[in-house]
Amino acid sequence: MSATLSYDLLVRILDHLHDHYPTLYSCSLVNWEFNRVASKILYSRAVLSPPFQRVLDLRDTGIPV
């Protein structure tokens, strides 16, 4: 008989790591159940960097004037 953690328990444990992305990534590699929980936390927030621009300005050198 193998010991397994329930999904609800994993959610509560990994939720404490919600800002530590390298650890969540490592947890996602453990097994399918860890991956399911860690992925939901990792992809719960999307960050666009650099700020979104509608039009690509090919003349922009990236140097502030």
PDB file of N, CA and C in Angstrom:
ATOM      1  N   MET A   1       0.842  -1.181   0.000  1.00  0.00           N
ATOM      2  CA  MET A   1       0.000   0.000   0.000  1.00  0.00           C
ATOM      3  C   MET A   1       0.885   1.241   0.000  1.00  0.00           C
ATOM      4  N   SER A   2       0.654   2.136  -0.915  1.00  0.00           N
ATOM      5  CA  SER A   2       1.458   3.357  -0.986  1.00  0.00           C
ATOM      6  C   SER A   2       0.746   4.499  -0.258  1.00  0.00           C
ATOM      7  N   ALA A   3       1.545   5.323   0.364  1.00  0.00           N
ATOM      8  CA  ALA A   3       0.980   6.477   1.087  1.00  0.00           C
ATOM      9  C   ALA A   3       0.815   7.632   0.115  1.00  0.00           C
ATOM     10  N   THR A   4      -0.354   8.224   0.081  1.00  0.00           N
ATOM     11  CA  THR A   4      -0.599   9.370  -0.787  1.00  0.00           C
ATOM     12  C   THR A   4      -1.247  10.483   0.011  1.00  0.00           C
ATOM     13  N   LEU A   5      -1.004  11.690  -0.407  1.00  0.00           N
ATOM     14  CA  LEU A   5      -1.641  12.854   0.198  1.00  0.00           C
ATOM     15  C   LEU A   5      -2.884  13.199  -0.605  1.00  0.00           C
ATOM     16  N   SER A   6      -3.925  13.591   0.066  1.00  0.00           N
ATOM     17  CA  SER A   6      -5.144  13.957  -0.648  1.00  0.00           C
ATOM     18  C   SER A   6      -4.953  15.293  -1.373  1.00  0.00           C
ATOM     19  N   TYR A   7      -5.754  15.486  -2.380  1.00  0.00           N
ATOM     20  CA  TYR A   7      -5.688  16.713  -3.175  1.00  0.00           C
ATOM     21  C   TYR A   7      -5.887  17.945  -2.299  1.00  0.00           C
ATOM     22  N   ASP A   8      -6.861  17.914  -1.401  1.00  0.00           N
ATOM     23  CA  ASP A   8      -7.147  19.062  -0.537  1.00  0.00           C
ATOM     24  C   ASP A   8      -5.966  19.400   0.359  1.00  0.00           C
ATOM     25  N   LEU A   9      -5.285  18.386   0.848  1.00  0.00           N
ATOM     26  CA  LEU A   9      -4.123  18.612   1.700  1.00  0.00           C
ATOM     27  C   LEU A   9      -2.969  19.210   0.900  1.00  0.00           C
ATOM     28  N   LEU A  10      -2.760  18.716  -0.309  1.00  0.00           N
ATOM     29  CA  LEU A  10      -1.708  19.278  -1.162  1.00  0.00           C
ATOM     30  C   LEU A  10      -1.974  20.747  -1.483  1.00  0.00           C
ATOM     31  N   VAL A  11      -3.227  21.087  -1.732  1.00  0.00           N
ATOM     32  CA  VAL A  11      -3.584  22.480  -2.021  1.00  0.00           C
ATOM     33  C   VAL A  11      -3.213  23.366  -0.842  1.00  0.00           C
ATOM     34  N   ARG A  12      -3.539  22.916   0.360  1.00  0.00           N
ATOM     35  CA  ARG A  12      -3.254  23.718   1.555  1.00  0.00           C
ATOM     36  C   ARG A  12      -1.756  23.856   1.784  1.00  0.00           C
ATOM     37  N   ILE A  13      -0.996  22.800   1.527  1.00  0.00           N
ATOM     38  CA  ILE A  13       0.453  22.843   1.731  1.00  0.00           C
ATOM     39  C   ILE A  13       1.116  23.736   0.699  1.00  0.00           C
ATOM     40  N   LEU A  14       0.816  23.501  -0.569  1.00  0.00           N
ATOM     41  CA  LEU A  14       1.481  24.253  -1.634  1.00  0.00           C
ATOM     42  C   LEU A  14       1.007  25.694  -1.715  1.00  0.00           C
ATOM     43  N   ASP A  15      -0.154  25.991  -1.162  1.00  0.00           N
ATOM     44  CA  ASP A  15      -0.629  27.371  -1.159  1.00  0.00           C
ATOM     45  C   ASP A  15       0.280  28.278  -0.331  1.00  0.00           C
ATOM     46  N   HIS A  16       0.991  27.704   0.612  1.00  0.00           N
ATOM     47  CA  HIS A  16       1.948  28.493   1.402  1.00  0.00           C
ATOM     48  C   HIS A  16       3.150  28.923   0.562  1.00  0.00           C
ATOM     49  N   LEU A  17       3.347  28.279  -0.567  1.00  0.00           N
ATOM     50  CA  LEU A  17       4.475  28.586  -1.452  1.00  0.00           C
ATOM     51  C   LEU A  17       4.052  29.424  -2.650  1.00  0.00           C
ATOM     52  N   HIS A  18       2.909  30.094  -2.576  1.00  0.00           N
ATOM     53  CA  HIS A  18       2.343  30.763  -3.750  1.00  0.00           C
ATOM     54  C   HIS A  18       3.250  31.822  -4.368  1.00  0.00           C
ATOM     55  N   ASP A  19       4.234  32.349  -3.639  1.00  0.00           N
ATOM     56  CA  ASP A  19       5.149  33.347  -4.207  1.00  0.00           C
ATOM     57  C   ASP A  19       6.530  32.792  -4.509  1.00  0.00           C
ATOM     58  N   HIS A  20       6.774  31.538  -4.236  1.00  0.00           N
ATOM     59  CA  HIS A  20       8.101  30.961  -4.455  1.00  0.00           C
ATOM     60  C   HIS A  20       8.046  30.024  -5.661  1.00  0.00           C
ATOM     61  N   TYR A  21       8.217  30.623  -6.842  1.00  0.00           N
ATOM     62  CA  TYR A  21       8.032  29.897  -8.093  1.00  0.00           C
ATOM     63  C   TYR A  21       9.022  28.751  -8.316  1.00  0.00           C
ATOM     64  N   PRO A  22      10.302  28.895  -7.957  1.00  0.00           N
ATOM     65  CA  PRO A  22      11.204  27.748  -8.165  1.00  0.00           C
ATOM     66  C   PRO A  22      10.788  26.502  -7.377  1.00  0.00           C
ATOM     67  N   THR A  23      10.310  26.688  -6.163  1.00  0.00           N
ATOM     68  CA  THR A  23       9.875  25.552  -5.361  1.00  0.00           C
ATOM     69  C   THR A  23       8.596  24.944  -5.936  1.00  0.00           C
ATOM     70  N   LEU A  24       7.671  25.790  -6.373  1.00  0.00           N
ATOM     71  CA  LEU A  24       6.454  25.265  -6.993  1.00  0.00           C
ATOM     72  C   LEU A  24       6.775  24.484  -8.262  1.00  0.00           C
ATOM     73  N   TYR A  25       7.746  24.983  -9.024  1.00  0.00           N
ATOM     74  CA  TYR A  25       8.159  24.271 -10.232  1.00  0.00           C
ATOM     75  C   TYR A  25       8.724  22.895  -9.869  1.00  0.00           C
ATOM     76  N   SER A  26       9.564  22.851  -8.838  1.00  0.00           N
ATOM     77  CA  SER A  26      10.122  21.574  -8.397  1.00  0.00           C
ATOM     78  C   SER A  26       9.031  20.625  -7.924  1.00  0.00           C
ATOM     79  N   CYS A  27       8.059  21.159  -7.213  1.00  0.00           N
ATOM     80  CA  CYS A  27       6.939  20.329  -6.747  1.00  0.00           C
ATOM     81  C   CYS A  27       6.142  19.772  -7.920  1.00  0.00           C
ATOM     82  N   SER A  28       6.039  20.545  -8.986  1.00  0.00           N
ATOM     83  CA  SER A  28       5.264  20.084 -10.136  1.00  0.00           C
ATOM     84  C   SER A  28       5.918  18.898 -10.833  1.00  0.00           C
ATOM     85  N   LEU A  29       7.204  18.663 -10.561  1.00  0.00           N
ATOM     86  CA  LEU A  29       7.911  17.547 -11.186  1.00  0.00           C
ATOM     87  C   LEU A  29       7.837  16.257 -10.371  1.00  0.00           C
ATOM     88  N   VAL A  30       7.242  16.302  -9.189  1.00  0.00           N
ATOM     89  CA  VAL A  30       7.198  15.133  -8.308  1.00  0.00           C
ATOM     90  C   VAL A  30       6.335  14.020  -8.899  1.00  0.00           C
ATOM     91  N   ASN A  31       5.091  14.317  -9.153  1.00  0.00           N
ATOM     92  CA  ASN A  31       4.183  13.340  -9.766  1.00  0.00           C
ATOM     93  C   ASN A  31       2.970  14.086 -10.318  1.00  0.00           C
ATOM     94  N   TRP A  32       2.029  13.322 -10.858  1.00  0.00           N
ATOM     95  CA  TRP A  32       0.887  13.941 -11.528  1.00  0.00           C
ATOM     96  C   TRP A  32       0.045  14.764 -10.574  1.00  0.00           C
ATOM     97  N   GLU A  33      -0.178  14.281  -9.357  1.00  0.00           N
ATOM     98  CA  GLU A  33      -1.030  14.988  -8.394  1.00  0.00           C
ATOM     99  C   GLU A  33      -0.381  16.298  -7.948  1.00  0.00           C
ATOM    100  N   PHE A  34       0.917  16.276  -7.655  1.00  0.00           N
ATOM    101  CA  PHE A  34       1.636  17.506  -7.298  1.00  0.00           C
ATOM    102  C   PHE A  34       1.612  18.483  -8.470  1.00  0.00           C
ATOM    103  N   ASN A  35       1.776  17.951  -9.681  1.00  0.00           N
ATOM    104  CA  ASN A  35       1.771  18.806 -10.859  1.00  0.00           C
ATOM    105  C   ASN A  35       0.438  19.512 -11.014  1.00  0.00           C
ATOM    106  N   ARG A  36      -0.638  18.802 -10.792  1.00  0.00           N
ATOM    107  CA  ARG A  36      -1.979  19.387 -10.918  1.00  0.00           C
ATOM    108  C   ARG A  36      -2.170  20.548  -9.952  1.00  0.00           C
ATOM    109  N   VAL A  37      -1.735  20.379  -8.703  1.00  0.00           N
ATOM    110  CA  VAL A  37      -1.901  21.421  -7.691  1.00  0.00           C
ATOM    111  C   VAL A  37      -0.944  22.580  -7.951  1.00  0.00           C
ATOM    112  N   ALA A  38       0.325  22.285  -8.196  1.00  0.00           N
ATOM    113  CA  ALA A  38       1.325  23.334  -8.397  1.00  0.00           C
ATOM    114  C   ALA A  38       1.026  24.154  -9.646  1.00  0.00           C
ATOM    115  N   SER A  39       0.550  23.510 -10.699  1.00  0.00           N
ATOM    116  CA  SER A  39       0.244  24.230 -11.938  1.00  0.00           C
ATOM    117  C   SER A  39      -0.886  25.227 -11.746  1.00  0.00           C
ATOM    118  N   LYS A  40      -1.891  24.851 -10.981  1.00  0.00           N
ATOM    119  CA  LYS A  40      -2.996  25.787 -10.728  1.00  0.00           C
ATOM    120  C   LYS A  40      -2.495  27.031 -10.011  1.00  0.00           C
ATOM    121  N   ILE A  41      -1.555  26.855  -9.092  1.00  0.00           N
ATOM    122  CA  ILE A  41      -1.012  28.006  -8.364  1.00  0.00           C
ATOM    123  C   ILE A  41      -0.067  28.801  -9.254  1.00  0.00           C
ATOM    124  N   LEU A  42       0.783  28.109 -10.012  1.00  0.00           N
ATOM    125  CA  LEU A  42       1.740  28.797 -10.879  1.00  0.00           C
ATOM    126  C   LEU A  42       1.050  29.633 -11.959  1.00  0.00           C
ATOM    127  N   TYR A  43      -0.025  29.119 -12.525  1.00  0.00           N
ATOM    128  CA  TYR A  43      -0.691  29.807 -13.626  1.00  0.00           C
ATOM    129  C   TYR A  43      -1.905  30.609 -13.187  1.00  0.00           C
ATOM    130  N   SER A  44      -2.051  30.835 -11.897  1.00  0.00           N
ATOM    131  CA  SER A  44      -3.195  31.614 -11.416  1.00  0.00           C
ATOM    132  C   SER A  44      -3.018  33.101 -11.661  1.00  0.00           C
ATOM    133  N   ARG A  45      -1.779  33.526 -11.910  1.00  0.00           N
ATOM    134  CA  ARG A  45      -1.513  34.942 -12.151  1.00  0.00           C
ATOM    135  C   ARG A  45      -0.581  35.072 -13.345  1.00  0.00           C
ATOM    136  N   ALA A  46      -0.977  35.877 -14.312  1.00  0.00           N
ATOM    137  CA  ALA A  46      -0.146  36.115 -15.490  1.00  0.00           C
ATOM    138  C   ALA A  46       0.429  37.517 -15.412  1.00  0.00           C
ATOM    139  N   VAL A  47       1.717  37.643 -15.695  1.00  0.00           N
ATOM    140  CA  VAL A  47       2.390  38.937 -15.652  1.00  0.00           C
ATOM    141  C   VAL A  47       2.939  39.224 -17.041  1.00  0.00           C
ATOM    142  N   LEU A  48       2.554  40.351 -17.590  1.00  0.00           N
ATOM    143  CA  LEU A  48       3.078  40.767 -18.884  1.00  0.00           C
ATOM    144  C   LEU A  48       4.247  41.711 -18.650  1.00  0.00           C
ATOM    145  N   SER A  49       5.376  41.366 -19.169  1.00  0.00           N
ATOM    146  CA  SER A  49       6.558  42.212 -19.011  1.00  0.00           C
ATOM    147  C   SER A  49       7.313  42.156 -20.314  1.00  0.00           C
ATOM    148  N   PRO A  50       7.644  43.206 -20.920  1.00  0.00           N
ATOM    149  CA  PRO A  50       7.416  44.618 -20.620  1.00  0.00           C
ATOM    150  C   PRO A  50       5.949  44.998 -20.830  1.00  0.00           C
ATOM    151  N   PRO A  51       5.595  46.215 -20.439  1.00  0.00           N
ATOM    152  CA  PRO A  51       4.202  46.646 -20.593  1.00  0.00           C
ATOM    153  C   PRO A  51       3.714  46.453 -22.032  1.00  0.00           C
ATOM    154  N   PHE A  52       2.488  46.007 -22.155  1.00  0.00           N
ATOM    155  CA  PHE A  52       1.896  45.703 -23.449  1.00  0.00           C
ATOM    156  C   PHE A  52       1.757  46.959 -24.304  1.00  0.00           C
ATOM    157  N   GLN A  53       2.150  46.869 -25.578  1.00  0.00           N
ATOM    158  CA  GLN A  53       1.949  47.944 -26.553  1.00  0.00           C
ATOM    159  C   GLN A  53       1.165  47.357 -27.717  1.00  0.00           C
ATOM    160  N   ARG A  54       0.141  48.096 -28.163  1.00  0.00           N
ATOM    161  CA  ARG A  54      -0.684  47.604 -29.270  1.00  0.00           C
ATOM    162  C   ARG A  54       0.080  47.535 -30.589  1.00  0.00           C
ATOM    163  N   VAL A  55       0.946  48.484 -30.825  1.00  0.00           N
ATOM    164  CA  VAL A  55       1.636  48.568 -32.106  1.00  0.00           C
ATOM    165  C   VAL A  55       3.134  48.438 -31.870  1.00  0.00           C
ATOM    166  N   LEU A  56       3.771  47.637 -32.676  1.00  0.00           N
ATOM    167  CA  LEU A  56       5.209  47.487 -32.597  1.00  0.00           C
ATOM    168  C   LEU A  56       5.855  48.680 -33.293  1.00  0.00           C
ATOM    169  N   ASP A  57       6.668  49.421 -32.549  1.00  0.00           N
ATOM    170  CA  ASP A  57       7.361  50.588 -33.103  1.00  0.00           C
ATOM    171  C   ASP A  57       8.781  50.163 -33.454  1.00  0.00           C
ATOM    172  N   LEU A  58       9.063  49.949 -34.736  1.00  0.00           N
ATOM    173  CA  LEU A  58      10.371  49.480 -35.166  1.00  0.00           C
ATOM    174  C   LEU A  58      11.451  50.548 -35.027  1.00  0.00           C
ATOM    175  N   ARG A  59      11.041  51.814 -34.884  1.00  0.00           N
ATOM    176  CA  ARG A  59      12.025  52.887 -34.703  1.00  0.00           C
ATOM    177  C   ARG A  59      12.440  53.044 -33.249  1.00  0.00           C
ATOM    178  N   ASP A  60      11.765  52.391 -32.335  1.00  0.00           N
ATOM    179  CA  ASP A  60      12.062  52.509 -30.914  1.00  0.00           C
ATOM    180  C   ASP A  60      13.371  51.775 -30.611  1.00  0.00           C
ATOM    181  N   THR A  61      14.349  52.488 -30.071  1.00  0.00           N
ATOM    182  CA  THR A  61      15.645  51.892 -29.744  1.00  0.00           C
ATOM    183  C   THR A  61      15.687  51.364 -28.322  1.00  0.00           C
ATOM    184  N   GLY A  62      14.710  51.702 -27.518  1.00  0.00           N
ATOM    185  CA  GLY A  62      14.677  51.256 -26.145  1.00  0.00           C
ATOM    186  C   GLY A  62      15.441  52.162 -25.201  1.00  0.00           C
ATOM    187  N   ILE A  63      16.066  53.191 -25.741  1.00  0.00           N
ATOM    188  CA  ILE A  63      16.828  54.138 -24.927  1.00  0.00           C
ATOM    189  C   ILE A  63      15.912  55.298 -24.573  1.00  0.00           C
ATOM    190  N   PRO A  64      15.722  55.567 -23.250  1.00  0.00           N
ATOM    191  CA  PRO A  64      14.856  56.689 -22.862  1.00  0.00           C
ATOM    192  C   PRO A  64      15.451  58.022 -23.299  1.00  0.00           C
ATOM    193  N   VAL A  65      14.574  58.911 -23.713  1.00  0.00           N
ATOM    194  CA  VAL A  65      15.024  60.227 -24.195  1.00  0.00           C
ATOM    195  C   VAL A  65      14.957  61.238 -23.081  1.00  0.00           C
TER     196      VAL A  65
END
